[in-house]
């Protein structure tokens, strides 16, 4: 068995085009490090609806040039079989973007070479830019597909490969299955043509067009007075967000300087995700030290497709707290309704049911989709879409994906409007709670080293299903692997309780089991909000405790 493992590694080594991973793999072979080799050669990174994502390193279970070249070759073969890869003026165009992580530019260049060698046209964005700029560029340039090299908010050692088709939306089944089959059919890297030139590097005109499109996000002559503190979380958002804010006429954001510039090592945070504990500490400190006092804090994740918002809280306004993604989702929805928006409001099933209440009262269509913007973006007649993981699509005609730049513009417009009225985002949240009931959400998220623990937890919940949580009877259990009338199959469980809802699912992009909780507490007046919030907090904590026990996590 060890001999077979060494032979596999040596075969991979002979094809590896990257001197860095060749050296790494040769060292493991020479050391006969069978444990590490087994981890890298126990299978292959699976291409799915999230594309590829994994730890950097040598071997088929890691992100590296060999894996990327195979993925690009499979994608190219898929596109050529679809037919419309030929457009007026020649071969279809594939646009390629990348973030500032380790190896991102190398993987973008590898992809451009493969596309060119396959007879397609390739164009690479001019530098590391937000993922929504790539999603915009696909539609703007009439491309047949797009690739973004990013691992979003994963740890520094990771990278990833996200694929979009010509509608500007991320791939969904069966496209992912068909592309994976083409990847598997690549016999050897030696069969993949990779010229050293022949693709285009785009200039700033595509970014200029994206920024011009942001004009459509804001209402004409709306107030632009809210002051912000901004962190790019060591990612690529700063320059584009600042340009968008200048264009809109907002006060220039005060920067969290320690996190303003791209840094693939993310030195100031344990995880470069605004939702993670401690990630916003520097932003809070900057806000406390900024004069005049800011009205809100805005954070992007490293590829700037997500947007986090924090507001002043406490009796004297000296404290800051993060708004939950569901709170921002409801605020943006209410703002768009007030502006007279029409069209479908869409959200993932793990997001708050408050959006449905807001849409229903406004007489607007509302749909729930599976988790991920690959599904939300496909809602018919989409006007606004969001998911609780800080993702918001506020201009689907421009970017058919979540966009942390345009979301930041819209929430700052709302804060400005409320500021002119002597009110805040928290005041509007109170109004929504009185109008529709207090919708309180929380998440139980368990990160694991051993993925079998997630499988075991899901099996336990299916074989020994809970009958109640926090003393609330479970009135309905949906095993989402069967699909529903409106949802395709997915690995998940949904529990409907009297006044609450719980969804349990394995993460599609990280080694996590994620449980999404919501309780709805009726509240008649603003005076009743403190009591309603206390009850909601108690119920959420009890549900988390009981769910942990039921799942064995």
Protein backbone atom coordinates (compact mmCIF):
# COMPACT_ATOMS: atom_id res chain seq x y z
CA UNK A 1 0.00 0.00 0.00
CA UNK A 2 2.84 2.39 0.83
CA UNK A 3 4.53 1.53 -2.48
CA UNK A 4 1.32 2.35 -4.33
CA UNK A 5 1.06 5.67 -2.51
CA UNK A 6 4.65 6.60 -3.40
CA UNK A 7 4.00 5.63 -7.03
CA UNK A 8 0.91 7.85 -7.12
CA UNK A 9 2.86 10.76 -5.72
CA UNK A 10 5.74 10.26 -8.18
CA UNK A 11 3.33 10.15 -11.11
CA UNK A 12 1.76 13.42 -9.92
CA UNK A 13 5.21 14.94 -9.47
CA UNK A 14 6.20 14.30 -13.07
CA UNK A 15 3.26 16.42 -14.30
CA UNK A 16 3.28 19.19 -11.68
CA UNK A 17 4.08 22.50 -13.45
CA UNK A 18 4.69 24.50 -10.26
CA UNK A 19 8.27 24.41 -8.89
CA UNK A 20 7.01 25.23 -5.39
CA UNK A 21 4.61 22.30 -5.07
CA UNK A 22 7.08 20.01 -6.90
CA UNK A 23 9.67 20.76 -4.22
CA UNK A 24 7.10 20.22 -1.48
CA UNK A 25 5.98 16.87 -2.89
CA UNK A 26 9.51 15.66 -3.59
CA UNK A 27 10.40 16.34 0.05
CA UNK A 28 7.41 14.27 1.24
CA UNK A 29 8.36 11.41 -1.09
CA UNK A 30 12.01 11.46 0.02
CA UNK A 31 10.94 11.48 3.67
CA UNK A 32 8.48 8.63 2.99
CA UNK A 33 5.89 10.68 4.91
CA UNK A 34 3.09 8.22 4.29
CA UNK A 35 0.64 9.98 6.62
CA UNK A 36 0.92 13.30 4.83
CA UNK A 37 0.98 11.68 1.38
CA UNK A 38 -2.16 9.70 2.23
CA UNK A 39 -3.94 12.92 3.23
CA UNK A 40 -3.06 14.47 -0.12
CA UNK A 41 -3.76 11.42 -2.29
CA UNK A 42 -6.81 9.92 -0.58
CA UNK A 43 -9.03 11.23 -3.38
CA UNK A 44 -9.49 14.45 -5.33
CA UNK A 45 -11.00 17.80 -4.44
CA UNK A 46 -14.59 17.50 -5.56
CA UNK A 47 -15.90 20.06 -8.03
CA UNK A 48 -19.42 21.09 -7.05
CA UNK A 49 -21.77 24.06 -6.98
CA UNK A 50 -19.21 25.94 -4.88
CA UNK A 51 -16.58 25.08 -7.51
CA UNK A 52 -13.39 24.07 -5.72
CA UNK A 53 -12.10 25.13 -2.33
CA UNK A 54 -9.32 23.68 -0.23
CA UNK A 55 -5.94 24.06 1.42
CA UNK A 56 -2.99 25.08 -0.74
CA UNK A 57 -0.37 22.40 -1.33
CA UNK A 58 0.72 19.55 -3.59
CA UNK A 59 -1.52 16.65 -4.55
CA UNK A 60 -5.08 16.08 -5.78
CA UNK A 61 -6.66 16.86 -2.37
CA UNK A 62 -5.08 20.33 -2.30
CA UNK A 63 -5.45 23.54 -4.29
CA UNK A 64 -2.54 23.86 -6.73
CA UNK A 65 -1.80 24.55 -10.40
CA UNK A 66 -2.27 20.92 -11.41
CA UNK A 67 -5.78 20.82 -9.92
CA UNK A 68 -6.65 24.23 -11.38
CA UNK A 69 -5.41 23.31 -14.87
CA UNK A 70 -7.56 20.17 -14.84
CA UNK A 71 -10.56 22.18 -13.62
CA UNK A 72 -10.05 24.79 -16.34
CA UNK A 73 -9.68 22.10 -19.01
CA UNK A 74 -12.90 20.46 -17.86
CA UNK A 75 -14.72 23.78 -17.87
CA UNK A 76 -13.43 24.58 -21.35
CA UNK A 77 -14.57 21.20 -22.67
CA UNK A 78 -17.99 21.72 -21.08
CA UNK A 79 -18.36 25.20 -22.62
CA UNK A 80 -17.42 23.95 -26.08
CA UNK A 81 -20.04 21.19 -25.87
CA UNK A 82 -22.74 23.70 -24.93
CA UNK A 83 -22.73 25.19 -28.42
CA UNK A 84 -22.92 28.96 -27.87
CA UNK A 85 -19.19 29.21 -27.16
CA UNK A 86 -18.97 30.67 -30.64
CA UNK A 87 -20.14 34.28 -30.71
CA UNK A 88 -20.04 37.02 -33.32
CA UNK A 89 -16.43 37.84 -33.93
CA UNK A 90 -15.09 34.44 -32.91
CA UNK A 91 -14.80 32.19 -29.91
CA UNK A 92 -16.71 32.82 -26.73
CA UNK A 93 -15.14 34.86 -23.95
CA UNK A 94 -14.26 33.63 -20.46
CA UNK A 95 -13.57 36.40 -17.93
CA UNK A 96 -11.25 35.59 -15.04
CA UNK A 97 -10.96 37.46 -11.75
CA UNK A 98 -8.88 36.82 -8.66
CA UNK A 99 -8.41 38.02 -5.09
CA UNK A 100 -5.18 38.76 -3.20
CA UNK A 101 -4.67 35.34 -1.61
CA UNK A 102 -1.55 33.25 -2.04
CA UNK A 103 -1.43 31.80 -5.57
CA UNK A 104 -4.62 33.55 -6.77
CA UNK A 105 -2.93 35.33 -9.67
CA UNK A 106 -1.05 32.15 -10.64
CA UNK A 107 -4.32 30.20 -10.80
CA UNK A 108 -5.97 32.98 -12.83
CA UNK A 109 -3.07 32.89 -15.31
CA UNK A 110 -3.26 29.09 -15.49
CA UNK A 111 -6.96 29.34 -16.31
CA UNK A 112 -6.40 31.96 -19.01
CA UNK A 113 -3.75 29.77 -20.64
CA UNK A 114 -6.02 26.71 -20.67
CA UNK A 115 -8.98 28.64 -22.11
CA UNK A 116 -6.78 30.12 -24.83
CA UNK A 117 -5.30 26.73 -25.65
CA UNK A 118 -8.82 25.28 -25.93
CA UNK A 119 -9.80 27.83 -28.58
CA UNK A 120 -11.81 30.13 -26.32
CA UNK A 121 -11.01 33.76 -25.64
CA UNK A 122 -9.82 34.67 -22.17
CA UNK A 123 -9.65 38.02 -20.40
CA UNK A 124 -8.17 38.55 -16.95
CA UNK A 125 -9.20 41.43 -14.70
CA UNK A 126 -6.40 43.98 -14.31
CA UNK A 127 -5.56 43.28 -10.65
CA UNK A 128 -7.09 41.71 -7.52
CA UNK A 129 -10.66 43.04 -7.39
CA UNK A 130 -13.91 42.24 -5.56
CA UNK A 131 -15.76 39.15 -6.72
CA UNK A 132 -18.85 41.24 -7.67
CA UNK A 133 -16.74 43.08 -10.27
CA UNK A 134 -16.12 39.72 -11.95
CA UNK A 135 -19.83 38.82 -11.74
CA UNK A 136 -20.66 42.21 -13.31
CA UNK A 137 -18.02 41.82 -16.02
CA UNK A 138 -19.50 38.54 -17.29
CA UNK A 139 -22.78 40.19 -18.25
CA UNK A 140 -21.22 43.51 -19.20
CA UNK A 141 -18.81 41.89 -21.68
CA UNK A 142 -21.22 39.23 -22.96
CA UNK A 143 -18.99 36.39 -21.78
CA UNK A 144 -20.00 32.73 -21.93
CA UNK A 145 -18.53 32.08 -18.47
CA UNK A 146 -16.49 33.56 -15.68
CA UNK A 147 -14.05 32.23 -13.10
CA UNK A 148 -13.17 33.87 -9.79
CA UNK A 149 -10.13 32.60 -7.92
CA UNK A 150 -11.00 33.17 -4.26
CA UNK A 151 -11.56 31.38 -0.97
CA UNK A 152 -13.73 34.23 0.29
CA UNK A 153 -13.40 34.34 4.10
CA UNK A 154 -11.66 30.98 4.59
CA UNK A 155 -8.39 30.73 6.55
CA UNK A 156 -5.16 32.04 4.94
CA UNK A 157 -3.96 28.56 3.89
CA UNK A 158 -6.98 28.05 1.59
CA UNK A 159 -7.86 29.05 -1.94
CA UNK A 160 -10.76 28.31 -4.25
CA UNK A 161 -12.22 28.39 -7.74
CA UNK A 162 -15.72 29.73 -8.34
CA UNK A 163 -17.43 29.28 -11.73
CA UNK A 164 -20.16 31.41 -13.30
CA UNK A 165 -21.98 30.86 -16.58
CA UNK A 166 -22.96 33.53 -19.07
CA UNK A 167 -26.00 34.75 -17.15
CA UNK A 168 -23.62 36.00 -14.45
CA UNK A 169 -24.88 33.48 -11.87
CA UNK A 170 -22.86 30.76 -10.17
CA UNK A 171 -23.30 27.24 -11.50
CA UNK A 172 -26.03 24.92 -10.21
CA UNK A 173 -26.80 21.27 -11.03
CA UNK A 174 -26.57 19.72 -13.51
CA UNK A 175 -23.83 22.04 -14.80
CA UNK A 176 -21.55 21.23 -11.87
CA UNK A 177 -21.97 17.49 -12.45
CA UNK A 178 -21.29 17.85 -16.18
CA UNK A 179 -18.19 20.00 -15.58
CA UNK A 180 -16.92 17.53 -12.96
CA UNK A 181 -17.29 14.73 -15.51
CA UNK A 182 -15.23 16.68 -18.03
CA UNK A 183 -12.56 17.33 -15.38
CA UNK A 184 -12.42 13.63 -14.58
CA UNK A 185 -12.03 12.88 -18.29
CA UNK A 186 -8.78 14.86 -18.60
CA UNK A 187 -6.28 12.00 -19.06
CA UNK A 188 -3.08 13.90 -18.31
CA UNK A 189 -1.84 17.46 -17.96
CA UNK A 190 0.37 16.80 -20.97
CA UNK A 191 -2.79 16.74 -23.11
CA UNK A 192 -3.85 20.24 -22.00
CA UNK A 193 -2.58 22.98 -24.30
CA UNK A 194 -1.30 25.96 -22.32
CA UNK A 195 0.19 28.69 -24.49
CA UNK A 196 2.24 31.36 -22.73
CA UNK A 197 0.33 34.22 -24.34
CA UNK A 198 -2.82 34.98 -26.33
CA UNK A 199 -5.23 36.16 -23.64
CA UNK A 200 -6.18 39.72 -22.77
CA UNK A 201 -5.55 41.61 -19.57
CA UNK A 202 -8.45 44.02 -19.19
CA UNK A 203 -7.96 47.69 -18.37
CA UNK A 204 -9.92 49.75 -15.86
CA UNK A 205 -12.85 50.32 -18.22
CA UNK A 206 -14.71 47.30 -16.81
CA UNK A 207 -14.21 48.64 -13.26
CA UNK A 208 -15.34 52.08 -14.41
CA UNK A 209 -18.48 50.50 -15.86
CA UNK A 210 -19.13 48.67 -12.57
CA UNK A 211 -18.77 51.91 -10.62
CA UNK A 212 -21.06 53.74 -13.07
CA UNK A 213 -23.64 51.00 -12.54
CA UNK A 214 -23.65 51.69 -8.77
CA UNK A 215 -25.52 54.92 -9.56
CA UNK A 216 -28.61 52.75 -10.09
CA UNK A 217 -28.47 51.48 -6.50
CA UNK A 218 -29.26 54.81 -4.82
CA UNK A 219 -32.35 56.98 -5.07
CA UNK A 220 -31.91 60.28 -6.87
CA UNK A 221 -31.32 63.17 -4.47
CA UNK A 222 -31.37 60.91 -1.38
CA UNK A 223 -29.50 62.12 1.74
CA UNK A 224 -25.80 61.20 1.76
CA UNK A 225 -24.79 62.33 5.25
CA UNK A 226 -24.06 59.17 7.28
CA UNK A 227 -20.46 58.82 8.47
CA UNK A 228 -18.82 55.42 8.35
CA UNK A 229 -15.80 53.48 9.54
CA UNK A 230 -14.68 50.85 7.03
CA UNK A 231 -12.56 47.71 7.17
CA UNK A 232 -11.54 45.64 4.17
CA UNK A 233 -10.50 42.76 6.49
CA UNK A 234 -7.11 42.54 4.69
CA UNK A 235 -8.96 41.94 1.41
CA UNK A 236 -9.53 43.65 -1.93
CA UNK A 237 -12.52 45.87 -1.16
CA UNK A 238 -10.96 49.17 -0.07
CA UNK A 239 -10.22 50.97 -3.34
CA UNK A 240 -13.48 50.01 -5.02
CA UNK A 241 -15.62 50.87 -1.99
CA UNK A 242 -13.90 54.22 -1.51
CA UNK A 243 -14.37 55.04 -5.19
CA UNK A 244 -18.05 54.09 -4.96
CA UNK A 245 -18.55 56.26 -1.86
CA UNK A 246 -16.84 59.26 -3.48
CA UNK A 247 -18.96 58.81 -6.59
CA UNK A 248 -22.14 58.67 -4.47
CA UNK A 249 -21.21 61.75 -2.48
CA UNK A 250 -21.01 60.14 0.97
CA UNK A 251 -18.46 61.37 3.50
CA UNK A 252 -15.19 59.50 3.02
CA UNK A 253 -15.10 56.48 5.36
CA UNK A 254 -12.53 56.40 8.15
CA UNK A 255 -10.35 53.36 7.50
CA UNK A 256 -9.29 50.62 9.86
CA UNK A 257 -5.70 51.13 8.73
CA UNK A 258 -4.38 47.85 10.16
CA UNK A 259 -6.75 45.91 7.87
CA UNK A 260 -7.01 48.29 4.90
CA UNK A 261 -4.50 46.76 2.47
CA UNK A 262 -4.58 43.26 0.97
CA UNK A 263 -2.57 40.74 2.98
CA UNK A 264 -2.99 37.03 2.25
CA UNK A 265 -1.83 36.11 5.75
CA UNK A 266 -4.67 38.08 7.45
CA UNK A 267 -2.39 38.90 10.40
CA UNK A 268 -4.89 40.68 12.69
CA UNK A 269 -7.70 38.10 12.69
CA UNK A 270 -8.03 34.41 13.52
CA UNK A 271 -10.48 34.02 10.60
CA UNK A 272 -10.98 36.83 8.04
CA UNK A 273 -14.76 36.78 8.43
CA UNK A 274 -16.65 39.69 10.07
CA UNK A 275 -18.95 37.14 11.75
CA UNK A 276 -16.10 35.47 13.65
CA UNK A 277 -15.42 36.49 17.28
CA UNK A 278 -12.79 39.23 17.49
CA UNK A 279 -12.71 40.00 13.77
CA UNK A 280 -14.39 43.38 14.27
CA UNK A 281 -12.45 44.44 17.38
CA UNK A 282 -10.12 46.79 15.48
CA UNK A 283 -13.11 48.33 13.68
CA UNK A 284 -14.82 48.99 17.02
CA UNK A 285 -11.65 50.56 18.39
CA UNK A 286 -11.31 52.77 15.32
CA UNK A 287 -14.94 53.87 15.61
CA UNK A 288 -14.49 54.84 19.27
CA UNK A 289 -11.44 56.93 18.38
CA UNK A 290 -12.96 58.64 15.32
CA UNK A 291 -14.18 62.24 15.45
CA UNK A 292 -16.83 63.23 14.55
CA UNK A 293 -18.46 60.04 15.78
CA UNK A 294 -19.44 57.69 12.95
CA UNK A 295 -23.00 56.51 12.42
CA UNK A 296 -22.09 52.97 11.41
CA UNK A 297 -19.25 50.56 10.73
CA UNK A 298 -19.07 48.70 7.44
CA UNK A 299 -16.91 45.64 6.85
CA UNK A 300 -16.34 43.56 3.75
CA UNK A 301 -14.98 40.05 3.75
CA UNK A 302 -11.70 39.55 1.83
CA UNK A 303 -13.27 39.26 -1.64
CA UNK A 304 -15.85 41.97 -0.81
CA UNK A 305 -18.96 40.08 -1.82
CA UNK A 306 -20.27 40.17 1.77
CA UNK A 307 -21.12 43.24 3.83
CA UNK A 308 -21.23 43.46 7.63
CA UNK A 309 -22.75 46.39 9.51
CA UNK A 310 -22.26 47.52 13.11
CA UNK A 311 -24.11 50.28 14.91
CA UNK A 312 -23.77 52.30 18.10
CA UNK A 313 -25.67 50.75 20.95
CA UNK A 314 -26.12 51.17 24.68
CA UNK A 315 -27.63 54.00 26.64
CA UNK A 316 -24.91 56.53 25.84
CA UNK A 317 -24.14 55.18 22.38
CA UNK A 318 -20.58 54.35 23.39
CA UNK A 319 -20.88 50.64 22.66
CA UNK A 320 -20.91 49.08 19.21
CA UNK A 321 -22.57 45.88 18.11
CA UNK A 322 -22.71 43.91 14.92
CA UNK A 323 -26.08 43.62 13.27
CA UNK A 324 -26.99 40.08 12.32
CA UNK A 325 -27.20 39.34 8.63
CA UNK A 326 -30.94 38.86 9.02
CA UNK A 327 -31.28 42.32 10.58
CA UNK A 328 -29.44 43.97 7.70
CA UNK A 329 -31.48 41.89 5.25
CA UNK A 330 -34.74 43.17 6.77
CA UNK A 331 -33.50 46.78 6.90
CA UNK A 332 -32.52 46.79 3.22
CA UNK A 333 -35.85 45.18 2.28
CA UNK A 334 -37.83 47.78 4.24
CA UNK A 335 -35.80 50.56 2.63
CA UNK A 336 -36.44 49.24 -0.88
CA UNK A 337 -40.16 48.87 -0.15
CA UNK A 338 -40.29 52.46 1.09
CA UNK A 339 -38.59 53.53 -2.14
CA UNK A 340 -41.29 51.78 -4.16
CA UNK A 341 -39.30 48.78 -5.39
CA UNK A 342 -41.20 46.14 -7.35
CA UNK A 343 -40.27 42.56 -8.17
CA UNK A 344 -39.48 39.40 -6.26
CA UNK A 345 -37.86 39.44 -2.83
CA UNK A 346 -35.87 36.21 -2.39
CA UNK A 347 -33.91 34.61 0.43
CA UNK A 348 -32.36 31.30 1.39
CA UNK A 349 -34.38 28.95 3.58
CA UNK A 350 -31.95 29.51 6.48
CA UNK A 351 -32.65 33.25 6.52
CA UNK A 352 -35.30 35.01 8.59
CA UNK A 353 -38.98 34.64 7.74
CA UNK A 354 -39.31 38.38 8.42
CA UNK A 355 -38.51 39.07 4.76
CA UNK A 356 -41.66 37.18 3.78
CA UNK A 357 -43.75 39.29 6.16
CA UNK A 358 -42.32 42.52 4.74
CA UNK A 359 -42.89 41.39 1.15
CA UNK A 360 -46.41 40.14 1.87
CA UNK A 361 -47.48 43.45 3.44
CA UNK A 362 -46.03 45.31 0.44
CA UNK A 363 -47.85 43.02 -1.99
CA UNK A 364 -44.58 41.75 -3.48
CA UNK A 365 -43.70 38.19 -4.53
CA UNK A 366 -41.48 36.32 -2.06
CA UNK A 367 -39.57 33.07 -2.60
CA UNK A 368 -37.30 30.87 -0.52
CA UNK A 369 -34.41 29.01 -2.15
CA UNK A 370 -31.70 26.63 -1.10
CA UNK A 371 -28.67 28.17 0.61
CA UNK A 372 -26.34 30.12 -1.66
CA UNK A 373 -26.61 32.91 -4.17
CA UNK A 374 -26.38 30.42 -6.99
CA UNK A 375 -30.03 29.72 -6.09
CA UNK A 376 -31.17 33.15 -4.91
CA UNK A 377 -29.94 34.80 -8.10
CA UNK A 378 -32.19 32.53 -10.16
CA UNK A 379 -35.43 33.62 -8.52
CA UNK A 380 -37.86 34.70 -11.21
CA UNK A 381 -38.26 38.47 -11.44
CA UNK A 382 -35.63 39.04 -8.72
CA UNK A 383 -35.48 42.57 -7.34
CA UNK A 384 -33.73 41.89 -4.03
CA UNK A 385 -32.15 38.84 -2.50
CA UNK A 386 -30.26 38.11 0.67
CA UNK A 387 -28.93 35.35 2.90
CA UNK A 388 -28.13 35.54 6.57
CA UNK A 389 -24.39 35.01 5.99
CA UNK A 390 -24.00 38.74 5.19
CA UNK A 391 -24.82 38.38 1.48
CA UNK A 392 -27.07 40.90 -0.29
CA UNK A 393 -28.02 41.37 -3.94
CA UNK A 394 -29.47 44.86 -4.23
CA UNK A 395 -28.98 45.39 -7.99
CA UNK A 396 -29.62 42.10 -9.77
CA UNK A 397 -29.63 43.72 -13.21
CA UNK A 398 -26.03 44.77 -12.60
CA UNK A 399 -24.62 41.95 -10.45
CA UNK A 400 -26.47 38.64 -10.30
CA UNK A 401 -24.73 37.66 -7.10
CA UNK A 402 -24.10 39.00 -3.62
CA UNK A 403 -22.26 42.30 -3.67
CA UNK A 404 -20.69 43.84 -0.58
CA UNK A 405 -19.97 47.17 -2.29
CA UNK A 406 -23.49 48.03 -3.47
CA UNK A 407 -24.97 46.68 -0.22
CA UNK A 408 -22.69 49.09 1.67
CA UNK A 409 -23.95 51.96 -0.46
CA UNK A 410 -27.60 51.09 0.15
CA UNK A 411 -27.30 50.64 3.93
CA UNK A 412 -25.43 53.95 4.15
CA UNK A 413 -28.19 55.65 2.17
CA UNK A 414 -30.74 54.22 4.62
CA UNK A 415 -28.67 55.36 7.62
CA UNK A 416 -28.45 58.83 6.06
CA UNK A 417 -32.18 59.02 5.52
CA UNK A 418 -32.90 57.94 9.09
CA UNK A 419 -30.28 60.40 10.38
CA UNK A 420 -32.14 63.24 8.66
CA UNK A 421 -35.26 62.09 10.55
CA UNK A 422 -33.40 61.95 13.87
CA UNK A 423 -33.57 58.14 13.89
CA UNK A 424 -31.22 55.17 13.57
CA UNK A 425 -31.13 51.70 12.07
CA UNK A 426 -32.02 50.30 15.50
CA UNK A 427 -35.15 52.47 15.59
CA UNK A 428 -36.26 51.02 12.27
CA UNK A 429 -35.61 47.48 13.53
CA UNK A 430 -37.85 48.24 16.52
CA UNK A 431 -40.58 49.45 14.17
CA UNK A 432 -40.34 46.26 12.11
CA UNK A 433 -40.58 44.12 15.26
CA UNK A 434 -43.76 45.88 16.40
CA UNK A 435 -45.25 45.69 12.92
CA UNK A 436 -44.42 42.05 12.12
CA UNK A 437 -43.42 40.42 15.42
CA UNK A 438 -39.92 40.17 16.87
CA UNK A 439 -37.98 37.81 14.60
CA UNK A 440 -34.86 36.78 16.52
CA UNK A 441 -32.25 34.57 14.86
CA UNK A 442 -29.09 32.84 15.99
CA UNK A 443 -26.73 30.14 14.78
CA UNK A 444 -25.10 27.11 16.31
CA UNK A 445 -21.98 26.45 14.25
CA UNK A 446 -19.52 23.65 14.99
CA UNK A 447 -16.15 23.57 13.18
CA UNK A 448 -14.57 20.09 13.01
CA UNK A 449 -11.27 18.57 11.96
CA UNK A 450 -12.89 15.20 11.24
CA UNK A 451 -15.73 15.48 8.69
CA UNK A 452 -17.15 12.15 9.84
CA UNK A 453 -18.40 13.93 12.97
CA UNK A 454 -20.78 15.95 10.78
CA UNK A 455 -22.02 12.82 9.04
CA UNK A 456 -22.57 11.16 12.42
CA UNK A 457 -24.51 14.15 13.78
CA UNK A 458 -26.83 14.21 10.75
CA UNK A 459 -27.37 10.44 11.00
CA UNK A 460 -28.16 10.70 14.72
CA UNK A 461 -30.76 13.42 14.10
CA UNK A 462 -32.40 11.31 11.41
CA UNK A 463 -32.40 8.08 13.40
CA UNK A 464 -33.37 9.64 16.74
CA UNK A 465 -35.30 12.78 15.77
CA UNK A 466 -36.09 15.23 18.58
CA UNK A 467 -39.77 15.76 19.40
CA UNK A 468 -39.33 19.10 21.12
CA UNK A 469 -36.73 21.84 21.58
CA UNK A 470 -36.79 24.38 24.44
CA UNK A 471 -40.10 22.91 25.53
CA UNK A 472 -41.68 23.79 22.17
CA UNK A 473 -43.20 20.79 20.35
CA UNK A 474 -41.85 20.08 16.88
CA UNK A 475 -44.96 20.17 14.69
CA UNK A 476 -43.23 19.20 11.45
CA UNK A 477 -39.90 17.70 10.34
CA UNK A 478 -38.70 17.98 6.74
CA UNK A 479 -35.78 15.87 5.55
CA UNK A 480 -34.56 18.10 2.74
CA UNK A 481 -32.70 15.26 1.02
CA UNK A 482 -36.12 14.39 -0.40
CA UNK A 483 -36.65 17.91 -1.78
CA UNK A 484 -39.97 19.75 -1.49
CA UNK A 485 -42.56 21.20 -3.83
CA UNK A 486 -40.39 24.30 -4.22
CA UNK A 487 -36.86 23.12 -3.35
CA UNK A 488 -34.51 20.62 -4.99
CA UNK A 489 -32.91 17.98 -2.73
CA UNK A 490 -30.13 19.02 -0.36
CA UNK A 491 -28.54 17.53 2.76
CA UNK A 492 -30.48 19.23 5.54
CA UNK A 493 -33.21 18.92 8.17
CA UNK A 494 -35.90 21.52 8.88
CA UNK A 495 -37.89 21.55 12.11
CA UNK A 496 -41.02 23.66 12.44
CA UNK A 497 -41.97 24.45 16.03
CA UNK A 498 -44.74 26.47 17.62
CA UNK A 499 -43.25 29.95 17.15
CA UNK A 500 -39.81 28.82 16.03
CA UNK A 501 -37.88 27.19 13.19
CA UNK A 502 -34.59 25.27 13.06
CA UNK A 503 -32.56 24.15 10.03
CA UNK A 504 -29.50 21.88 10.31
CA UNK A 505 -27.09 21.40 7.41
CA UNK A 506 -23.43 20.71 6.68
CA UNK A 507 -21.64 23.77 5.28
CA UNK A 508 -20.90 23.58 1.58
CA UNK A 509 -17.63 25.53 1.82
CA UNK A 510 -16.16 24.91 5.29
CA UNK A 511 -15.76 21.93 7.68
CA UNK A 512 -18.73 23.03 9.76
CA UNK A 513 -22.12 21.77 10.88
CA UNK A 514 -24.44 24.76 10.83
CA UNK A 515 -27.74 25.08 12.67
CA UNK A 516 -29.93 28.11 11.95
CA UNK A 517 -32.44 29.11 14.61
CA UNK A 518 -35.34 31.56 14.51
CA UNK A 519 -38.00 32.40 17.08
CA UNK A 520 -40.90 34.79 16.51
CA UNK A 521 -42.32 36.57 19.54
CA UNK A 522 -45.45 38.74 19.10
CA UNK A 523 -45.06 42.25 20.49
CA UNK A 524 -47.86 44.82 20.55
CA UNK A 525 -46.01 48.05 21.34
CA UNK A 526 -42.50 49.46 21.56
CA UNK A 527 -42.82 49.28 25.34
CA UNK A 528 -43.07 45.50 25.08
CA UNK A 529 -39.83 45.05 23.14
CA UNK A 530 -37.45 44.51 26.10
CA UNK A 531 -39.60 41.69 27.46
CA UNK A 532 -40.00 40.16 23.99
CA UNK A 533 -36.24 40.28 23.41
CA UNK A 534 -35.55 38.63 26.76
CA UNK A 535 -38.00 35.84 25.94
CA UNK A 536 -36.49 35.38 22.48
CA UNK A 537 -32.95 35.22 23.86
CA UNK A 538 -33.96 32.60 26.42
CA UNK A 539 -35.70 30.47 23.81
CA UNK A 540 -32.74 30.62 21.43
CA UNK A 541 -30.30 29.57 24.15
CA UNK A 542 -32.55 26.69 25.19
CA UNK A 543 -32.97 25.54 21.58
CA UNK A 544 -29.19 25.61 21.08
CA UNK A 545 -28.64 23.55 24.22
CA UNK A 546 -31.29 20.96 23.34
CA UNK A 547 -30.18 20.75 19.72
CA UNK A 548 -26.55 20.17 20.74
CA UNK A 549 -27.67 17.27 22.91
CA UNK A 550 -29.88 15.80 20.19
CA UNK A 551 -27.11 15.99 17.57
CA UNK A 552 -24.37 14.83 19.92
CA UNK A 553 -22.18 17.84 19.15
